[in-house]
C-alpha atoms as a PDB file:
ATOM      1  CA  UNK A   1      -3.858   4.947  38.334  1.00  0.00           C
ATOM      2  CA  UNK A   2      -0.619   5.494  36.471  1.00  0.00           C
ATOM      3  CA  UNK A   3       2.442   5.330  38.687  1.00  0.00           C
ATOM      4  CA  UNK A   4       3.389   8.909  37.868  1.00  0.00           C
ATOM      5  CA  UNK A   5      -0.049  10.000  39.121  1.00  0.00           C
ATOM      6  CA  UNK A   6       0.380   8.668  42.669  1.00  0.00           C
ATOM      7  CA  UNK A   7      -0.807  11.394  45.078  1.00  0.00           C
ATOM      8  CA  UNK A   8       2.310  11.092  47.245  1.00  0.00           C
ATOM      9  CA  UNK A   9       4.797  11.408  44.382  1.00  0.00           C
ATOM     10  CA  UNK A  10       5.062  15.196  44.634  1.00  0.00           C
ATOM     11  CA  UNK A  11       4.370  15.481  48.356  1.00  0.00           C
ATOM     12  CA  UNK A  12       7.057  16.651  50.754  1.00  0.00           C
ATOM     13  CA  UNK A  13       9.074  14.116  52.734  1.00  0.00           C
ATOM     14  CA  UNK A  14       7.159  14.919  55.932  1.00  0.00           C
ATOM     15  CA  UNK A  15       3.791  14.269  54.250  1.00  0.00           C
ATOM     16  CA  UNK A  16       5.065  11.032  52.692  1.00  0.00           C
ATOM     17  CA  UNK A  17       6.321   9.900  56.103  1.00  0.00           C
ATOM     18  CA  UNK A  18       2.990  10.662  57.817  1.00  0.00           C
ATOM     19  CA  UNK A  19       1.012   8.897  55.071  1.00  0.00           C
ATOM     20  CA  UNK A  20       3.328   5.887  55.177  1.00  0.00           C
ATOM     21  CA  UNK A  21       2.879   5.536  58.945  1.00  0.00           C
ATOM     22  CA  UNK A  22      -0.889   5.966  58.588  1.00  0.00           C
ATOM     23  CA  UNK A  23      -1.113   3.329  55.828  1.00  0.00           C
ATOM     24  CA  UNK A  24       1.062   0.863  57.753  1.00  0.00           C
ATOM     25  CA  UNK A  25      -1.236   1.161  60.763  1.00  0.00           C
ATOM     26  CA  UNK A  26      -4.411   0.947  58.678  1.00  0.00           C
ATOM     27  CA  UNK A  27      -3.366  -1.924  56.385  1.00  0.00           C
ATOM     28  CA  UNK A  28      -1.076  -3.685  58.883  1.00  0.00           C
ATOM     29  CA  UNK A  29       1.676  -4.124  56.308  1.00  0.00           C
ATOM     30  CA  UNK A  30       4.971  -2.515  55.406  1.00  0.00           C
ATOM     31  CA  UNK A  31       6.063  -2.414  51.759  1.00  0.00           C
ATOM     32  CA  UNK A  32       9.682  -2.931  50.721  1.00  0.00           C
ATOM     33  CA  UNK A  33      11.396  -3.762  47.439  1.00  0.00           C
ATOM     34  CA  UNK A  34      13.158  -7.063  46.999  1.00  0.00           C
ATOM     35  CA  UNK A  35      15.260  -8.728  44.355  1.00  0.00           C
ATOM     36  CA  UNK A  36      16.954 -12.091  44.054  1.00  0.00           C
ATOM     37  CA  UNK A  37      19.406 -11.147  46.815  1.00  0.00           C
ATOM     38  CA  UNK A  38      16.812  -9.925  49.305  1.00  0.00           C
ATOM     39  CA  UNK A  39      15.677  -6.546  50.537  1.00  0.00           C
ATOM     40  CA  UNK A  40      16.768  -3.413  48.685  1.00  0.00           C
ATOM     41  CA  UNK A  41      19.091  -1.212  50.750  1.00  0.00           C
ATOM     42  CA  UNK A  42      19.927   2.462  50.326  1.00  0.00           C
ATOM     43  CA  UNK A  43      23.185   4.095  51.324  1.00  0.00           C
ATOM     44  CA  UNK A  44      23.608   7.794  52.048  1.00  0.00           C
ATOM     45  CA  UNK A  45      26.772   9.606  53.087  1.00  0.00           C
ATOM     46  CA  UNK A  46      25.954   8.946  56.727  1.00  0.00           C
ATOM     47  CA  UNK A  47      23.997   5.720  56.992  1.00  0.00           C
ATOM     48  CA  UNK A  48      22.665   2.548  55.450  1.00  0.00           C
ATOM     49  CA  UNK A  49      19.003   1.756  55.534  1.00  0.00           C
ATOM     50  CA  UNK A  50      15.950   0.002  54.243  1.00  0.00           C
ATOM     51  CA  UNK A  51      13.435   2.040  52.256  1.00  0.00           C
ATOM     52  CA  UNK A  52       9.764   1.433  53.078  1.00  0.00           C
ATOM     53  CA  UNK A  53       6.632   2.607  51.312  1.00  0.00           C
ATOM     54  CA  UNK A  54       2.912   2.867  52.139  1.00  0.00           C
ATOM     55  CA  UNK A  55       1.840   0.688  49.210  1.00  0.00           C
ATOM     56  CA  UNK A  56       3.051  -1.341  46.247  1.00  0.00           C
ATOM     57  CA  UNK A  57       2.489   1.537  43.825  1.00  0.00           C
ATOM     58  CA  UNK A  58       4.898   3.860  45.597  1.00  0.00           C
ATOM     59  CA  UNK A  59       7.488   1.097  45.880  1.00  0.00           C
ATOM     60  CA  UNK A  60       7.207   0.438  42.130  1.00  0.00           C
ATOM     61  CA  UNK A  61       7.980   4.083  41.355  1.00  0.00           C
ATOM     62  CA  UNK A  62      11.420   3.462  42.870  1.00  0.00           C
ATOM     63  CA  UNK A  63      11.923   0.201  40.909  1.00  0.00           C
ATOM     64  CA  UNK A  64      13.754   1.717  37.924  1.00  0.00           C
ATOM     65  CA  UNK A  65      17.288   1.671  36.541  1.00  0.00           C
ATOM     66  CA  UNK A  66      19.471  -0.260  39.026  1.00  0.00           C
ATOM     67  CA  UNK A  67      16.331  -1.531  40.759  1.00  0.00           C
ATOM     68  CA  UNK A  68      14.308  -2.395  37.621  1.00  0.00           C
ATOM     69  CA  UNK A  69      14.389  -6.105  38.501  1.00  0.00           C
ATOM     70  CA  UNK A  70      12.961  -5.495  41.977  1.00  0.00           C
ATOM     71  CA  UNK A  71       9.413  -6.120  43.001  1.00  0.00           C
ATOM     72  CA  UNK A  72       7.326  -4.832  45.899  1.00  0.00           C
ATOM     73  CA  UNK A  73       6.821  -7.136  48.846  1.00  0.00           C
ATOM     74  CA  UNK A  74       4.409  -6.672  51.737  1.00  0.00           C
ATOM     75  CA  UNK A  75       5.579  -7.582  55.224  1.00  0.00           C
ATOM     76  CA  UNK A  76       2.897  -8.061  57.846  1.00  0.00           C
ATOM     77  CA  UNK A  77       2.957  -5.576  60.681  1.00  0.00           C
ATOM     78  CA  UNK A  78       3.434  -8.465  63.128  1.00  0.00           C
ATOM     79  CA  UNK A  79       6.511  -9.759  61.255  1.00  0.00           C
ATOM     80  CA  UNK A  80       7.870  -6.221  60.901  1.00  0.00           C
ATOM     81  CA  UNK A  81       7.655  -5.605  64.643  1.00  0.00           C
ATOM     82  CA  UNK A  82       8.797  -9.078  65.776  1.00  0.00           C
ATOM     83  CA  UNK A  83      11.503  -9.893  63.223  1.00  0.00           C
ATOM     84  CA  UNK A  84      12.509  -6.912  61.090  1.00  0.00           C
ATOM     85  CA  UNK A  85      12.718  -4.214  63.768  1.00  0.00           C
ATOM     86  CA  UNK A  86      15.103  -6.175  66.037  1.00  0.00           C
ATOM     87  CA  UNK A  87      17.176  -7.270  63.027  1.00  0.00           C
ATOM     88  CA  UNK A  88      17.502  -3.740  61.679  1.00  0.00           C
ATOM     89  CA  UNK A  89      18.473  -2.459  65.121  1.00  0.00           C
ATOM     90  CA  UNK A  90      21.078  -5.204  65.514  1.00  0.00           C
ATOM     91  CA  UNK A  91      22.562  -4.325  62.111  1.00  0.00           C
ATOM     92  CA  UNK A  92      22.545  -0.569  62.892  1.00  0.00           C
ATOM     93  CA  UNK A  93      20.308   0.169  59.908  1.00  0.00           C
ATOM     94  CA  UNK A  94      17.820   3.008  59.576  1.00  0.00           C
ATOM     95  CA  UNK A  95      14.484   3.262  57.791  1.00  0.00           C
ATOM     96  CA  UNK A  96      14.147   5.557  54.772  1.00  0.00           C
ATOM     97  CA  UNK A  97      10.495   6.591  54.752  1.00  0.00           C
ATOM     98  CA  UNK A  98       8.858   6.579  51.318  1.00  0.00           C
ATOM     99  CA  UNK A  99      11.726   7.759  49.121  1.00  0.00           C
ATOM    100  CA  UNK A 100      10.841   9.046  45.658  1.00  0.00           C
ATOM    101  CA  UNK A 101      13.139   9.612  42.675  1.00  0.00           C
ATOM    102  CA  UNK A 102      15.511  12.422  43.544  1.00  0.00           C
ATOM    103  CA  UNK A 103      14.739  12.401  47.271  1.00  0.00           C
ATOM    104  CA  UNK A 104      15.640   9.752  49.853  1.00  0.00           C
ATOM    105  CA  UNK A 105      12.822  10.585  52.264  1.00  0.00           C
ATOM    106  CA  UNK A 106      12.874  11.091  56.013  1.00  0.00           C
ATOM    107  CA  UNK A 107      15.247   8.851  57.969  1.00  0.00           C
ATOM    108  CA  UNK A 108      14.006   7.144  61.107  1.00  0.00           C
ATOM    109  CA  UNK A 109      15.502   4.541  63.381  1.00  0.00           C
ATOM    110  CA  UNK A 110      13.659   1.194  63.539  1.00  0.00           C
ATOM    111  CA  UNK A 111      12.560   1.549  67.166  1.00  0.00           C
ATOM    112  CA  UNK A 112      11.000   4.971  66.485  1.00  0.00           C
ATOM    113  CA  UNK A 113       9.028   3.558  63.565  1.00  0.00           C
ATOM    114  CA  UNK A 114       7.919   0.616  65.731  1.00  0.00           C
ATOM    115  CA  UNK A 115       6.610   3.030  68.382  1.00  0.00           C
ATOM    116  CA  UNK A 116       4.688   5.009  65.757  1.00  0.00           C
ATOM    117  CA  UNK A 117       2.999   1.980  64.144  1.00  0.00           C
ATOM    118  CA  UNK A 118       2.106  -0.073  67.211  1.00  0.00           C
END
């Protein structure tokens, strides 16, 4: 499937969020983008956060322009819940759920995501 044919690409933010949560639970992994410096971060007017996606294909759609050197990375659900969630909370970061070009996606705090995927 071509990246621009991904079924979630043109879905609304609420649908992308629901599908991301469903895929995380089903596959027991969270997808992020990383580069040589670590995890990709997004900044909005109000908050800083980590974008997550339901699969590598959706993450790759974001990996253009400034992020062209990034690659998708799967994090096991166990590691996400035990390491990432507490770290994100400590750093006051939010989760950007399945952003697509031109739209950041729904914002969720790490503990809310943890409750939804456990």
